[in-house]
PDB file of N, CA and C in Angstrom:
ATOM      1  N   MET A   1       0.850  -1.189   0.000  1.00  0.00           N
ATOM      2  CA  MET A   1       0.000   0.000   0.000  1.00  0.00           C
ATOM      3  C   MET A   1       0.886   1.240   0.000  1.00  0.00           C
ATOM      4  N   SER A   2       0.546   2.166  -0.831  1.00  0.00           N
ATOM      5  CA  SER A   2       1.226   3.463  -0.778  1.00  0.00           C
ATOM      6  C   SER A   2       0.168   4.552  -0.890  1.00  0.00           C
ATOM      7  N   ALA A   3       0.427   5.619  -0.202  1.00  0.00           N
ATOM      8  CA  ALA A   3      -0.523   6.727  -0.177  1.00  0.00           C
ATOM      9  C   ALA A   3      -0.430   7.533  -1.470  1.00  0.00           C
ATOM     10  N   THR A   4      -1.536   8.135  -1.819  1.00  0.00           N
ATOM     11  CA  THR A   4      -1.587   9.063  -2.943  1.00  0.00           C
ATOM     12  C   THR A   4      -1.621  10.473  -2.362  1.00  0.00           C
ATOM     13  N   TRP A   5      -0.681  11.278  -2.778  1.00  0.00           N
ATOM     14  CA  TRP A   5      -0.605  12.673  -2.326  1.00  0.00           C
ATOM     15  C   TRP A   5      -1.083  13.570  -3.459  1.00  0.00           C
ATOM     16  N   THR A   6      -1.945  14.520  -3.115  1.00  0.00           N
ATOM     17  CA  THR A   6      -2.446  15.476  -4.100  1.00  0.00           C
ATOM     18  C   THR A   6      -2.448  16.877  -3.505  1.00  0.00           C
ATOM     19  N   ILE A   7      -2.454  17.837  -4.391  1.00  0.00           N
ATOM     20  CA  ILE A   7      -2.598  19.233  -3.983  1.00  0.00           C
ATOM     21  C   ILE A   7      -4.017  19.651  -4.335  1.00  0.00           C
ATOM     22  N   ALA A   8      -4.782  20.030  -3.311  1.00  0.00           N
ATOM     23  CA  ALA A   8      -6.185  20.378  -3.501  1.00  0.00           C
ATOM     24  C   ALA A   8      -6.360  21.819  -3.961  1.00  0.00           C
ATOM     25  N   ASN A   9      -5.448  22.697  -3.535  1.00  0.00           N
ATOM     26  CA  ASN A   9      -5.571  24.107  -3.904  1.00  0.00           C
ATOM     27  C   ASN A   9      -4.270  24.822  -3.564  1.00  0.00           C
ATOM     28  N   LEU A  10      -4.024  25.921  -4.255  1.00  0.00           N
ATOM     29  CA  LEU A  10      -2.892  26.792  -3.960  1.00  0.00           C
ATOM     30  C   LEU A  10      -3.393  28.210  -3.768  1.00  0.00           C
ATOM     31  N   GLU A  11      -2.791  28.913  -2.831  1.00  0.00           N
ATOM     32  CA  GLU A  11      -3.051  30.339  -2.668  1.00  0.00           C
ATOM     33  C   GLU A  11      -1.777  31.067  -3.066  1.00  0.00           C
ATOM     34  N   ARG A  12      -1.930  32.141  -3.852  1.00  0.00           N
ATOM     35  CA  ARG A  12      -0.751  32.853  -4.354  1.00  0.00           C
ATOM     36  C   ARG A  12      -0.973  34.350  -4.310  1.00  0.00           C
ATOM     37  N   ASN A  13       0.137  35.062  -4.298  1.00  0.00           N
ATOM     38  CA  ASN A  13       0.088  36.521  -4.383  1.00  0.00           C
ATOM     39  C   ASN A  13      -0.202  36.910  -5.827  1.00  0.00           C
ATOM     40  N   THR A  14      -1.099  37.859  -5.998  1.00  0.00           N
ATOM     41  CA  THR A  14      -1.451  38.269  -7.351  1.00  0.00           C
ATOM     42  C   THR A  14      -0.358  39.117  -8.005  1.00  0.00           C
ATOM     43  N   ALA A  15       0.466  39.766  -7.208  1.00  0.00           N
ATOM     44  CA  ALA A  15       1.489  40.645  -7.770  1.00  0.00           C
ATOM     45  C   ALA A  15       2.564  39.887  -8.542  1.00  0.00           C
ATOM     46  N   ASP A  16       3.007  38.744  -7.995  1.00  0.00           N
ATOM     47  CA  ASP A  16       4.104  38.028  -8.641  1.00  0.00           C
ATOM     48  C   ASP A  16       3.849  36.528  -8.815  1.00  0.00           C
ATOM     49  N   GLY A  17       2.698  36.059  -8.378  1.00  0.00           N
ATOM     50  CA  GLY A  17       2.363  34.647  -8.544  1.00  0.00           C
ATOM     51  C   GLY A  17       3.044  33.720  -7.569  1.00  0.00           C
ATOM     52  N   GLY A  18       3.689  34.261  -6.547  1.00  0.00           N
ATOM     53  CA  GLY A  18       4.352  33.415  -5.554  1.00  0.00           C
ATOM     54  C   GLY A  18       3.343  32.668  -4.690  1.00  0.00           C
ATOM     55  N   VAL A  19       3.554  31.373  -4.541  1.00  0.00           N
ATOM     56  CA  VAL A  19       2.646  30.545  -3.739  1.00  0.00           C
ATOM     57  C   VAL A  19       2.935  30.769  -2.261  1.00  0.00           C
ATOM     58  N   VAL A  20       1.874  31.047  -1.502  1.00  0.00           N
ATOM     59  CA  VAL A  20       2.012  31.261  -0.068  1.00  0.00           C
ATOM     60  C   VAL A  20       1.372  30.159   0.759  1.00  0.00           C
ATOM     61  N   VAL A  21       0.418  29.423   0.199  1.00  0.00           N
ATOM     62  CA  VAL A  21      -0.233  28.325   0.917  1.00  0.00           C
ATOM     63  C   VAL A  21      -0.558  27.197  -0.067  1.00  0.00           C
ATOM     64  N   ALA A  22      -0.255  25.981   0.358  1.00  0.00           N
ATOM     65  CA  ALA A  22      -0.661  24.789  -0.402  1.00  0.00           C
ATOM     66  C   ALA A  22      -1.581  23.965   0.484  1.00  0.00           C
ATOM     67  N   HIS A  23      -2.714  23.564  -0.068  1.00  0.00           N
ATOM     68  CA  HIS A  23      -3.651  22.673   0.605  1.00  0.00           C
ATOM     69  C   HIS A  23      -3.391  21.279   0.048  1.00  0.00           C
ATOM     70  N   TRP A  24      -3.054  20.329   0.913  1.00  0.00           N
ATOM     71  CA  TRP A  24      -2.670  18.999   0.465  1.00  0.00           C
ATOM     72  C   TRP A  24      -3.565  17.929   1.078  1.00  0.00           C
ATOM     73  N   ARG A  25      -3.568  16.765   0.425  1.00  0.00           N
ATOM     74  CA  ARG A  25      -4.308  15.609   0.931  1.00  0.00           C
ATOM     75  C   ARG A  25      -3.477  14.357   0.648  1.00  0.00           C
ATOM     76  N   ALA A  26      -3.424  13.477   1.643  1.00  0.00           N
ATOM     77  CA  ALA A  26      -2.809  12.165   1.486  1.00  0.00           C
ATOM     78  C   ALA A  26      -3.906  11.133   1.714  1.00  0.00           C
ATOM     79  N   THR A  27      -4.038  10.185   0.805  1.00  0.00           N
ATOM     80  CA  THR A  27      -5.090   9.173   0.879  1.00  0.00           C
ATOM     81  C   THR A  27      -4.476   7.790   0.712  1.00  0.00           C
ATOM     82  N   LEU A  28      -4.905   6.880   1.584  1.00  0.00           N
ATOM     83  CA  LEU A  28      -4.453   5.499   1.518  1.00  0.00           C
ATOM     84  C   LEU A  28      -5.678   4.614   1.413  1.00  0.00           C
ATOM     85  N   LYS A  29      -5.654   3.695   0.451  1.00  0.00           N
ATOM     86  CA  LYS A  29      -6.772   2.766   0.246  1.00  0.00           C
ATOM     87  C   LYS A  29      -6.263   1.341   0.365  1.00  0.00           C
ATOM     88  N   ASP A  30      -7.080   0.516   0.997  1.00  0.00           N
ATOM     89  CA  ASP A  30      -6.806  -0.914   1.096  1.00  0.00           C
ATOM     90  C   ASP A  30      -8.142  -1.630   0.943  1.00  0.00           C
ATOM     91  N   GLY A  31      -8.423  -2.041  -0.291  1.00  0.00           N
ATOM     92  CA  GLY A  31      -9.720  -2.653  -0.561  1.00  0.00           C
ATOM     93  C   GLY A  31     -10.835  -1.660  -0.317  1.00  0.00           C
ATOM     94  N   GLU A  32     -11.756  -2.025   0.555  1.00  0.00           N
ATOM     95  CA  GLU A  32     -12.895  -1.152   0.853  1.00  0.00           C
ATOM     96  C   GLU A  32     -12.583  -0.097   1.921  1.00  0.00           C
ATOM     97  N   TYR A  33     -11.382  -0.133   2.476  1.00  0.00           N
ATOM     98  CA  TYR A  33     -11.006   0.787   3.544  1.00  0.00           C
ATOM     99  C   TYR A  33     -10.214   1.964   2.994  1.00  0.00           C
ATOM    100  N   THR A  34     -10.518   3.148   3.503  1.00  0.00           N
ATOM    101  CA  THR A  34      -9.840   4.366   3.076  1.00  0.00           C
ATOM    102  C   THR A  34      -9.542   5.236   4.291  1.00  0.00           C
ATOM    103  N   ALA A  35      -8.366   5.825   4.285  1.00  0.00           N
ATOM    104  CA  ALA A  35      -7.990   6.798   5.309  1.00  0.00           C
ATOM    105  C   ALA A  35      -7.367   7.984   4.582  1.00  0.00           C
ATOM    106  N   SER A  36      -7.608   9.184   5.098  1.00  0.00           N
ATOM    107  CA  SER A  36      -7.008  10.353   4.460  1.00  0.00           C
ATOM    108  C   SER A  36      -6.648  11.399   5.505  1.00  0.00           C
ATOM    109  N   SER A  37      -5.736  12.242   5.099  1.00  0.00           N
ATOM    110  CA  SER A  37      -5.295  13.359   5.932  1.00  0.00           C
ATOM    111  C   SER A  37      -5.261  14.595   5.048  1.00  0.00           C
ATOM    112  N   TYR A  38      -5.660  15.730   5.615  1.00  0.00           N
ATOM    113  CA  TYR A  38      -5.706  16.985   4.867  1.00  0.00           C
ATOM    114  C   TYR A  38      -5.006  18.047   5.690  1.00  0.00           C
ATOM    115  N   GLY A  39      -4.254  18.893   5.026  1.00  0.00           N
ATOM    116  CA  GLY A  39      -3.571  19.960   5.752  1.00  0.00           C
ATOM    117  C   GLY A  39      -3.162  21.084   4.831  1.00  0.00           C
ATOM    118  N   THR A  40      -2.534  22.078   5.424  1.00  0.00           N
ATOM    119  CA  THR A  40      -2.013  23.207   4.661  1.00  0.00           C
ATOM    120  C   THR A  40      -0.566  23.462   5.068  1.00  0.00           C
ATOM    121  N   CYS A  41       0.184  24.008   4.147  1.00  0.00           N
ATOM    122  CA  CYS A  41       1.557  24.431   4.402  1.00  0.00           C
ATOM    123  C   CYS A  41       1.685  25.875   3.943  1.00  0.00           C
ATOM    124  N   ASN A  42       2.345  26.672   4.752  1.00  0.00           N
ATOM    125  CA  ASN A  42       2.609  28.070   4.406  1.00  0.00           C
ATOM    126  C   ASN A  42       4.027  28.185   3.867  1.00  0.00           C
ATOM    127  N   PHE A  43       4.198  29.034   2.875  1.00  0.00           N
ATOM    128  CA  PHE A  43       5.498  29.205   2.262  1.00  0.00           C
ATOM    129  C   PHE A  43       5.892  30.676   2.212  1.00  0.00           C
ATOM    130  N   GLU A  44       7.192  30.897   2.345  1.00  0.00           N
ATOM    131  CA  GLU A  44       7.784  32.203   2.077  1.00  0.00           C
ATOM    132  C   GLU A  44       8.683  32.015   0.863  1.00  0.00           C
ATOM    133  N   TYR A  45       8.791  33.019   0.051  1.00  0.00           N
ATOM    134  CA  TYR A  45       9.579  32.875  -1.169  1.00  0.00           C
ATOM    135  C   TYR A  45      10.242  34.199  -1.504  1.00  0.00           C
ATOM    136  N   ASP A  46      11.198  34.118  -2.389  1.00  0.00           N
ATOM    137  CA  ASP A  46      11.893  35.290  -2.917  1.00  0.00           C
ATOM    138  C   ASP A  46      11.714  35.258  -4.429  1.00  0.00           C
ATOM    139  N   ALA A  47      10.882  36.139  -4.944  1.00  0.00           N
ATOM    140  CA  ALA A  47      10.583  36.153  -6.381  1.00  0.00           C
ATOM    141  C   ALA A  47      11.809  36.500  -7.228  1.00  0.00           C
ATOM    142  N   THR A  48      12.866  37.035  -6.612  1.00  0.00           N
ATOM    143  CA  THR A  48      14.077  37.366  -7.370  1.00  0.00           C
ATOM    144  C   THR A  48      15.088  36.217  -7.358  1.00  0.00           C
ATOM    145  N   SER A  49      14.812  35.165  -6.610  1.00  0.00           N
ATOM    146  CA  SER A  49      15.725  34.020  -6.528  1.00  0.00           C
ATOM    147  C   SER A  49      15.719  33.246  -7.846  1.00  0.00           C
ATOM    148  N   PRO A  50      16.865  32.711  -8.237  1.00  0.00           N
ATOM    149  CA  PRO A  50      16.895  31.879  -9.448  1.00  0.00           C
ATOM    150  C   PRO A  50      16.097  30.579  -9.276  1.00  0.00           C
ATOM    151  N   ASP A  51      15.798  30.195  -8.040  1.00  0.00           N
ATOM    152  CA  ASP A  51      15.015  28.981  -7.776  1.00  0.00           C
ATOM    153  C   ASP A  51      13.505  29.235  -7.787  1.00  0.00           C
ATOM    154  N   PHE A  52      13.102  30.493  -7.900  1.00  0.00           N
ATOM    155  CA  PHE A  52      11.680  30.831  -7.906  1.00  0.00           C
ATOM    156  C   PHE A  52      11.013  30.212  -9.142  1.00  0.00           C
ATOM    157  N   ILE A  53       9.863  29.554  -8.909  1.00  0.00           N
ATOM    158  CA  ILE A  53       9.116  28.959 -10.018  1.00  0.00           C
ATOM    159  C   ILE A  53       7.798  29.716 -10.150  1.00  0.00           C
ATOM    160  N   PRO A  54       7.563  30.363 -11.282  1.00  0.00           N
ATOM    161  CA  PRO A  54       6.300  31.078 -11.479  1.00  0.00           C
ATOM    162  C   PRO A  54       5.106  30.133 -11.382  1.00  0.00           C
ATOM    163  N   PHE A  55       4.014  30.654 -10.903  1.00  0.00           N
ATOM    164  CA  PHE A  55       2.806  29.867 -10.677  1.00  0.00           C
ATOM    165  C   PHE A  55       2.423  29.037 -11.895  1.00  0.00           C
ATOM    166  N   ASP A  56       2.451  29.644 -13.069  1.00  0.00           N
ATOM    167  CA  ASP A  56       2.000  28.933 -14.269  1.00  0.00           C
ATOM    168  C   ASP A  56       2.990  27.874 -14.755  1.00  0.00           C
ATOM    169  N   GLN A  57       4.144  27.756 -14.082  1.00  0.00           N
ATOM    170  CA  GLN A  57       5.117  26.726 -14.440  1.00  0.00           C
ATOM    171  C   GLN A  57       5.235  25.628 -13.382  1.00  0.00           C
ATOM    172  N   LEU A  58       4.468  25.743 -12.309  1.00  0.00           N
ATOM    173  CA  LEU A  58       4.510  24.741 -11.249  1.00  0.00           C
ATOM    174  C   LEU A  58       3.849  23.440 -11.691  1.00  0.00           C
ATOM    175  N   THR A  59       4.349  22.345 -11.150  1.00  0.00           N
ATOM    176  CA  THR A  59       3.693  21.054 -11.324  1.00  0.00           C
ATOM    177  C   THR A  59       3.220  20.586  -9.947  1.00  0.00           C
ATOM    178  N   GLU A  60       2.240  19.703  -9.964  1.00  0.00           N
ATOM    179  CA  GLU A  60       1.768  19.160  -8.685  1.00  0.00           C
ATOM    180  C   GLU A  60       2.905  18.440  -7.963  1.00  0.00           C
ATOM    181  N   ASN A  61       3.724  17.718  -8.697  1.00  0.00           N
ATOM    182  CA  ASN A  61       4.843  17.008  -8.070  1.00  0.00           C
ATOM    183  C   ASN A  61       5.797  17.964  -7.363  1.00  0.00           C
ATOM    184  N   GLN A  62       6.070  19.113  -7.961  1.00  0.00           N
ATOM    185  CA  GLN A  62       6.966  20.081  -7.332  1.00  0.00           C
ATOM    186  C   GLN A  62       6.374  20.589  -6.025  1.00  0.00           C
ATOM    187  N   VAL A  63       5.099  20.891  -6.021  1.00  0.00           N
ATOM    188  CA  VAL A  63       4.463  21.403  -4.808  1.00  0.00           C
ATOM    189  C   VAL A  63       4.406  20.310  -3.738  1.00  0.00           C
ATOM    190  N   ILE A  64       4.179  19.069  -4.142  1.00  0.00           N
ATOM    191  CA  ILE A  64       4.195  17.963  -3.175  1.00  0.00           C
ATOM    192  C   ILE A  64       5.574  17.852  -2.517  1.00  0.00           C
ATOM    193  N   VAL A  65       6.633  18.039  -3.282  1.00  0.00           N
ATOM    194  CA  VAL A  65       7.984  18.027  -2.707  1.00  0.00           C
ATOM    195  C   VAL A  65       8.117  19.147  -1.678  1.00  0.00           C
ATOM    196  N   TRP A  66       7.575  20.324  -1.964  1.00  0.00           N
ATOM    197  CA  TRP A  66       7.593  21.420  -0.989  1.00  0.00           C
ATOM    198  C   TRP A  66       6.851  21.016   0.281  1.00  0.00           C
ATOM    199  N   VAL A  67       5.690  20.390   0.101  1.00  0.00           N
ATOM    200  CA  VAL A  67       4.884  19.954   1.250  1.00  0.00           C
ATOM    201  C   VAL A  67       5.686  18.961   2.084  1.00  0.00           C
ATOM    202  N   TRP A  68       6.342  18.007   1.439  1.00  0.00           N
ATOM    203  CA  TRP A  68       7.142  17.023   2.174  1.00  0.00           C
ATOM    204  C   TRP A  68       8.297  17.677   2.918  1.00  0.00           C
ATOM    205  N   GLY A  69       8.665  18.874   2.530  1.00  0.00           N
ATOM    206  CA  GLY A  69       9.686  19.609   3.272  1.00  0.00           C
ATOM    207  C   GLY A  69       9.177  20.078   4.628  1.00  0.00           C
ATOM    208  N   GLN A  70       7.856  20.108   4.794  1.00  0.00           N
ATOM    209  CA  GLN A  70       7.253  20.547   6.057  1.00  0.00           C
ATOM    210  C   GLN A  70       6.464  19.449   6.759  1.00  0.00           C
ATOM    211  N   VAL A  71       5.971  18.482   6.003  1.00  0.00           N
ATOM    212  CA  VAL A  71       5.136  17.419   6.547  1.00  0.00           C
ATOM    213  C   VAL A  71       5.926  16.117   6.464  1.00  0.00           C
ATOM    214  N   ASP A  72       5.976  15.379   7.560  1.00  0.00           N
ATOM    215  CA  ASP A  72       6.700  14.112   7.572  1.00  0.00           C
ATOM    216  C   ASP A  72       5.906  13.073   6.781  1.00  0.00           C
ATOM    217  N   LYS A  73       6.372  12.791   5.582  1.00  0.00           N
ATOM    218  CA  LYS A  73       5.684  11.864   4.671  1.00  0.00           C
ATOM    219  C   LYS A  73       5.515  10.489   5.303  1.00  0.00           C
ATOM    220  N   ILE A  74       6.587   9.941   5.848  1.00  0.00           N
ATOM    221  CA  ILE A  74       6.533   8.592   6.414  1.00  0.00           C
ATOM    222  C   ILE A  74       5.593   8.544   7.613  1.00  0.00           C
ATOM    223  N   LYS A  75       5.707   9.512   8.496  1.00  0.00           N
ATOM    224  CA  LYS A  75       4.843   9.542   9.685  1.00  0.00           C
ATOM    225  C   LYS A  75       3.370   9.666   9.287  1.00  0.00           C
ATOM    226  N   THR A  76       3.091  10.479   8.286  1.00  0.00           N
ATOM    227  CA  THR A  76       1.711  10.638   7.811  1.00  0.00           C
ATOM    228  C   THR A  76       1.183   9.335   7.238  1.00  0.00           C
ATOM    229  N   GLU A  77       1.986   8.665   6.425  1.00  0.00           N
ATOM    230  CA  GLU A  77       1.545   7.414   5.808  1.00  0.00           C
ATOM    231  C   GLU A  77       1.403   6.293   6.838  1.00  0.00           C
ATOM    232  N   VAL A  78       2.252   6.269   7.852  1.00  0.00           N
ATOM    233  CA  VAL A  78       2.110   5.283   8.929  1.00  0.00           C
ATOM    234  C   VAL A  78       0.805   5.529   9.681  1.00  0.00           C
ATOM    235  N   ALA A  79       0.485   6.786   9.956  1.00  0.00           N
ATOM    236  CA  ALA A  79      -0.776   7.102  10.641  1.00  0.00           C
ATOM    237  C   ALA A  79      -1.977   6.671   9.810  1.00  0.00           C
ATOM    238  N   LEU A  80      -1.908   6.838   8.502  1.00  0.00           N
ATOM    239  CA  LEU A  80      -3.000   6.404   7.633  1.00  0.00           C
ATOM    240  C   LEU A  80      -3.141   4.877   7.674  1.00  0.00           C
ATOM    241  N   ALA A  81      -2.019   4.173   7.654  1.00  0.00           N
ATOM    242  CA  ALA A  81      -2.048   2.707   7.726  1.00  0.00           C
ATOM    243  C   ALA A  81      -2.626   2.247   9.063  1.00  0.00           C
ATOM    244  N   GLU A  82      -2.281   2.934  10.141  1.00  0.00           N
ATOM    245  CA  GLU A  82      -2.828   2.602  11.457  1.00  0.00           C
ATOM    246  C   GLU A  82      -4.333   2.854  11.488  1.00  0.00           C
ATOM    247  N   ASP A  83      -4.774   3.914  10.835  1.00  0.00           N
ATOM    248  CA  ASP A  83      -6.207   4.208  10.745  1.00  0.00           C
ATOM    249  C   ASP A  83      -6.925   3.055  10.053  1.00  0.00           C
ATOM    250  N   ILE A  84      -6.384   2.599   8.943  1.00  0.00           N
ATOM    251  CA  ILE A  84      -7.012   1.489   8.214  1.00  0.00           C
ATOM    252  C   ILE A  84      -7.000   0.215   9.058  1.00  0.00           C
ATOM    253  N   ALA A  85      -5.905  -0.050   9.752  1.00  0.00           N
ATOM    254  CA  ALA A  85      -5.844  -1.227  10.624  1.00  0.00           C
ATOM    255  C   ALA A  85      -6.935  -1.148  11.696  1.00  0.00           C
ATOM    256  N   GLY A  86      -7.162   0.041  12.217  1.00  0.00           N
ATOM    257  CA  GLY A  86      -8.223   0.229  13.199  1.00  0.00           C
ATOM    258  C   GLY A  86      -9.615   0.045  12.611  1.00  0.00           C
ATOM    259  N   GLN A  87      -9.774   0.398  11.359  1.00  0.00           N
ATOM    260  CA  GLN A  87     -11.061   0.177  10.692  1.00  0.00           C
ATOM    261  C   GLN A  87     -11.320  -1.317  10.497  1.00  0.00           C
ATOM    262  N   LYS A  88     -10.255  -2.049  10.183  1.00  0.00           N
ATOM    263  CA  LYS A  88     -10.393  -3.484   9.938  1.00  0.00           C
ATOM    264  C   LYS A  88     -10.666  -4.268  11.225  1.00  0.00           C
ATOM    265  N   ALA A  89     -10.059  -3.832  12.311  1.00  0.00           N
ATOM    266  CA  ALA A  89     -10.208  -4.524  13.593  1.00  0.00           C
ATOM    267  C   ALA A  89     -10.432  -3.484  14.687  1.00  0.00           C
ATOM    268  N   PRO A  90     -11.631  -2.918  14.751  1.00  0.00           N
ATOM    269  CA  PRO A  90     -11.880  -1.846  15.715  1.00  0.00           C
ATOM    270  C   PRO A  90     -11.744  -2.322  17.162  1.00  0.00           C
ATOM    271  N   ALA A  91     -11.179  -1.456  18.000  1.00  0.00           N
ATOM    272  CA  ALA A  91     -11.025  -1.754  19.417  1.00  0.00           C
ATOM    273  C   ALA A  91     -12.343  -1.546  20.166  1.00  0.00           C
ATOM    274  N   VAL A  92     -13.206  -0.715  19.636  1.00  0.00           N
ATOM    275  CA  VAL A  92     -14.501  -0.415  20.257  1.00  0.00           C
ATOM    276  C   VAL A  92     -15.566  -0.481  19.176  1.00  0.00           C
ATOM    277  N   VAL A  93     -16.659  -1.147  19.477  1.00  0.00           N
ATOM    278  CA  VAL A  93     -17.807  -1.191  18.573  1.00  0.00           C
ATOM    279  C   VAL A  93     -19.054  -0.844  19.365  1.00  0.00           C
ATOM    280  N   SER A  94     -20.112  -0.503  18.680  1.00  0.00           N
ATOM    281  CA  SER A  94     -21.362  -0.165  19.355  1.00  0.00           C
ATOM    282  C   SER A  94     -22.449  -1.141  18.940  1.00  0.00           C
ATOM    283  N   GLY A  95     -23.480  -1.178  19.728  1.00  0.00           N
ATOM    284  CA  GLY A  95     -24.602  -2.049  19.422  1.00  0.00           C
ATOM    285  C   GLY A  95     -25.333  -2.457  20.694  1.00  0.00           C
ATOM    286  N   LEU A  96     -26.398  -3.191  20.543  1.00  0.00           N
ATOM    287  CA  LEU A  96     -27.198  -3.665  21.660  1.00  0.00           C
ATOM    288  C   LEU A  96     -27.256  -5.189  21.589  1.00  0.00           C
ATOM    289  N   PRO A  97     -26.992  -5.869  22.717  1.00  0.00           N
ATOM    290  CA  PRO A  97     -26.953  -7.323  22.663  1.00  0.00           C
ATOM    291  C   PRO A  97     -28.298  -7.947  22.309  1.00  0.00           C
ATOM    292  N   TRP A  98     -29.365  -7.316  22.637  1.00  0.00           N
ATOM    293  CA  TRP A  98     -30.677  -7.883  22.332  1.00  0.00           C
ATOM    294  C   TRP A  98     -31.152  -7.554  20.935  1.00  0.00           C
ATOM    295  N   ALA A  99     -30.410  -6.710  20.217  1.00  0.00           N
ATOM    296  CA  ALA A  99     -30.813  -6.325  18.864  1.00  0.00           C
ATOM    297  C   ALA A  99     -30.013  -7.091  17.803  1.00  0.00           C
ATOM    298  N   GLU A 100     -29.195  -8.023  18.230  1.00  0.00           N
ATOM    299  CA  GLU A 100     -28.368  -8.744  17.253  1.00  0.00           C
ATOM    300  C   GLU A 100     -28.931 -10.099  16.951  1.00  0.00           C
TER     301      GLU A 100
END
């Protein structure tokens, strides 16, 4: 199992197109079970830097790499796997003994 990482949205400055916020989602699926995590990352940038990438030239993969610079990829994916394990074998369930 490997998680799928996506960028749900970007917020950018209108003056120079610099990205200031990325909204990300990590999703892990195992058969009928799904776990996901959603978050945001804030960025500071220098539009005069040779490493600056204009908004219209960004790829989702590049932004995901930026996100991984702030979000622990392995820790996030382990938490998603633990969530799915809990769905498969819940520690607590609800119900009524006379209704089963």
